[in-house]
Amino acid sequence: MKRDIYEVLGVEKTADEQEIKKAYRKLAR
């Protein structure tokens, strides 16, 4: 089962690197 990184982080595919990092940090806590 391959999961889309954008789906996992809950960000749009158009999200920039900063948004993705922010979402990742929130998830990683």
PDB file of N, CA and C in Angstrom:
ATOM      1  N   MET A   1       0.851  -1.199   0.000  1.00  0.00           N
ATOM      2  CA  MET A   1       0.000   0.000   0.000  1.00  0.00           C
ATOM      3  C   MET A   1       0.884   1.246   0.000  1.00  0.00           C
ATOM      4  N   LYS A   2       0.926   1.905  -1.118  1.00  0.00           N
ATOM      5  CA  LYS A   2       1.749   3.110  -1.241  1.00  0.00           C
ATOM      6  C   LYS A   2       0.909   4.322  -0.865  1.00  0.00           C
ATOM      7  N   ARG A   3       1.405   5.074   0.080  1.00  0.00           N
ATOM      8  CA  ARG A   3       0.668   6.265   0.504  1.00  0.00           C
ATOM      9  C   ARG A   3       1.349   7.521  -0.016  1.00  0.00           C
ATOM     10  N   ASP A   4       0.527   8.405  -0.489  1.00  0.00           N
ATOM     11  CA  ASP A   4       0.999   9.668  -1.034  1.00  0.00           C
ATOM     12  C   ASP A   4       1.454  10.569   0.108  1.00  0.00           C
ATOM     13  N   ILE A   5       2.672  11.072   0.012  1.00  0.00           N
ATOM     14  CA  ILE A   5       3.230  11.917   1.074  1.00  0.00           C
ATOM     15  C   ILE A   5       2.346  13.132   1.359  1.00  0.00           C
ATOM     16  N   TYR A   6       1.764  13.697   0.319  1.00  0.00           N
ATOM     17  CA  TYR A   6       0.897  14.861   0.513  1.00  0.00           C
ATOM     18  C   TYR A   6      -0.364  14.476   1.273  1.00  0.00           C
ATOM     19  N   GLU A   7      -0.873  13.291   0.961  1.00  0.00           N
ATOM     20  CA  GLU A   7      -2.067  12.792   1.635  1.00  0.00           C
ATOM     21  C   GLU A   7      -1.777  12.536   3.110  1.00  0.00           C
ATOM     22  N   VAL A   8      -0.623  11.931   3.364  1.00  0.00           N
ATOM     23  CA  VAL A   8      -0.221  11.605   4.729  1.00  0.00           C
ATOM     24  C   VAL A   8      -0.094  12.870   5.573  1.00  0.00           C
ATOM     25  N   LEU A   9       0.531  13.892   5.017  1.00  0.00           N
ATOM     26  CA  LEU A   9       0.748  15.137   5.756  1.00  0.00           C
ATOM     27  C   LEU A   9      -0.478  16.029   5.768  1.00  0.00           C
ATOM     28  N   GLY A  10      -1.439  15.733   4.903  1.00  0.00           N
ATOM     29  CA  GLY A  10      -2.654  16.532   4.851  1.00  0.00           C
ATOM     30  C   GLY A  10      -2.424  17.889   4.217  1.00  0.00           C
ATOM     31  N   VAL A  11      -1.534  17.948   3.223  1.00  0.00           N
ATOM     32  CA  VAL A  11      -1.296  19.195   2.493  1.00  0.00           C
ATOM     33  C   VAL A  11      -1.641  19.004   1.020  1.00  0.00           C
ATOM     34  N   GLU A  12      -1.864  20.114   0.352  1.00  0.00           N
ATOM     35  CA  GLU A  12      -2.165  20.068  -1.078  1.00  0.00           C
ATOM     36  C   GLU A  12      -0.903  19.716  -1.860  1.00  0.00           C
ATOM     37  N   LYS A  13      -1.098  19.209  -3.064  1.00  0.00           N
ATOM     38  CA  LYS A  13       0.055  18.888  -3.917  1.00  0.00           C
ATOM     39  C   LYS A  13       0.797  20.161  -4.335  1.00  0.00           C
ATOM     40  N   THR A  14       0.113  21.282  -4.201  1.00  0.00           N
ATOM     41  CA  THR A  14       0.706  22.568  -4.570  1.00  0.00           C
ATOM     42  C   THR A  14       1.414  23.234  -3.390  1.00  0.00           C
ATOM     43  N   ALA A  15       1.382  22.588  -2.232  1.00  0.00           N
ATOM     44  CA  ALA A  15       2.001  23.164  -1.044  1.00  0.00           C
ATOM     45  C   ALA A  15       3.501  23.330  -1.256  1.00  0.00           C
ATOM     46  N   ASP A  16       4.032  24.453  -0.774  1.00  0.00           N
ATOM     47  CA  ASP A  16       5.470  24.664  -0.927  1.00  0.00           C
ATOM     48  C   ASP A  16       6.225  23.942   0.196  1.00  0.00           C
ATOM     49  N   GLU A  17       7.537  23.947   0.064  1.00  0.00           N
ATOM     50  CA  GLU A  17       8.387  23.201   0.993  1.00  0.00           C
ATOM     51  C   GLU A  17       8.156  23.618   2.440  1.00  0.00           C
ATOM     52  N   GLN A  18       7.957  24.914   2.649  1.00  0.00           N
ATOM     53  CA  GLN A  18       7.748  25.432   3.995  1.00  0.00           C
ATOM     54  C   GLN A  18       6.478  24.855   4.620  1.00  0.00           C
ATOM     55  N   GLU A  19       5.408  24.820   3.841  1.00  0.00           N
ATOM     56  CA  GLU A  19       4.142  24.269   4.334  1.00  0.00           C
ATOM     57  C   GLU A  19       4.282  22.795   4.672  1.00  0.00           C
ATOM     58  N   ILE A  20       4.992  22.083   3.807  1.00  0.00           N
ATOM     59  CA  ILE A  20       5.184  20.647   4.000  1.00  0.00           C
ATOM     60  C   ILE A  20       5.993  20.384   5.267  1.00  0.00           C
ATOM     61  N   LYS A  21       7.046  21.146   5.472  1.00  0.00           N
ATOM     62  CA  LYS A  21       7.871  20.993   6.677  1.00  0.00           C
ATOM     63  C   LYS A  21       7.055  21.281   7.927  1.00  0.00           C
ATOM     64  N   LYS A  22       6.235  22.322   7.863  1.00  0.00           N
ATOM     65  CA  LYS A  22       5.400  22.700   8.992  1.00  0.00           C
ATOM     66  C   LYS A  22       4.430  21.571   9.335  1.00  0.00           C
ATOM     67  N   ALA A  23       3.812  21.011   8.304  1.00  0.00           N
ATOM     68  CA  ALA A  23       2.866  19.912   8.493  1.00  0.00           C
ATOM     69  C   ALA A  23       3.584  18.684   9.047  1.00  0.00           C
ATOM     70  N   TYR A  24       4.805  18.440   8.563  1.00  0.00           N
ATOM     71  CA  TYR A  24       5.576  17.281   9.011  1.00  0.00           C
ATOM     72  C   TYR A  24       5.933  17.411  10.487  1.00  0.00           C
ATOM     73  N   ARG A  25       6.359  18.599  10.884  1.00  0.00           N
ATOM     74  CA  ARG A  25       6.724  18.817  12.288  1.00  0.00           C
ATOM     75  C   ARG A  25       5.520  18.619  13.195  1.00  0.00           C
ATOM     76  N   LYS A  26       4.371  19.097  12.747  1.00  0.00           N
ATOM     77  CA  LYS A  26       3.140  18.963  13.517  1.00  0.00           C
ATOM     78  C   LYS A  26       2.796  17.487  13.692  1.00  0.00           C
ATOM     79  N   LEU A  27       3.000  16.722  12.626  1.00  0.00           N
ATOM     80  CA  LEU A  27       2.694  15.295  12.623  1.00  0.00           C
ATOM     81  C   LEU A  27       3.705  14.514  13.460  1.00  0.00           C
ATOM     82  N   ALA A  28       4.951  14.962  13.441  1.00  0.00           N
ATOM     83  CA  ALA A  28       6.045  14.221  14.068  1.00  0.00           C
ATOM     84  C   ALA A  28       6.060  14.344  15.592  1.00  0.00           C
ATOM     85  N   ARG A  29       5.321  15.305  16.126  1.00  0.00           N
ATOM     86  CA  ARG A  29       5.303  15.517  17.569  1.00  0.00           C
ATOM     87  C   ARG A  29       4.719  14.347  18.328  1.00  0.00           C
TER      88      ARG A  29
END
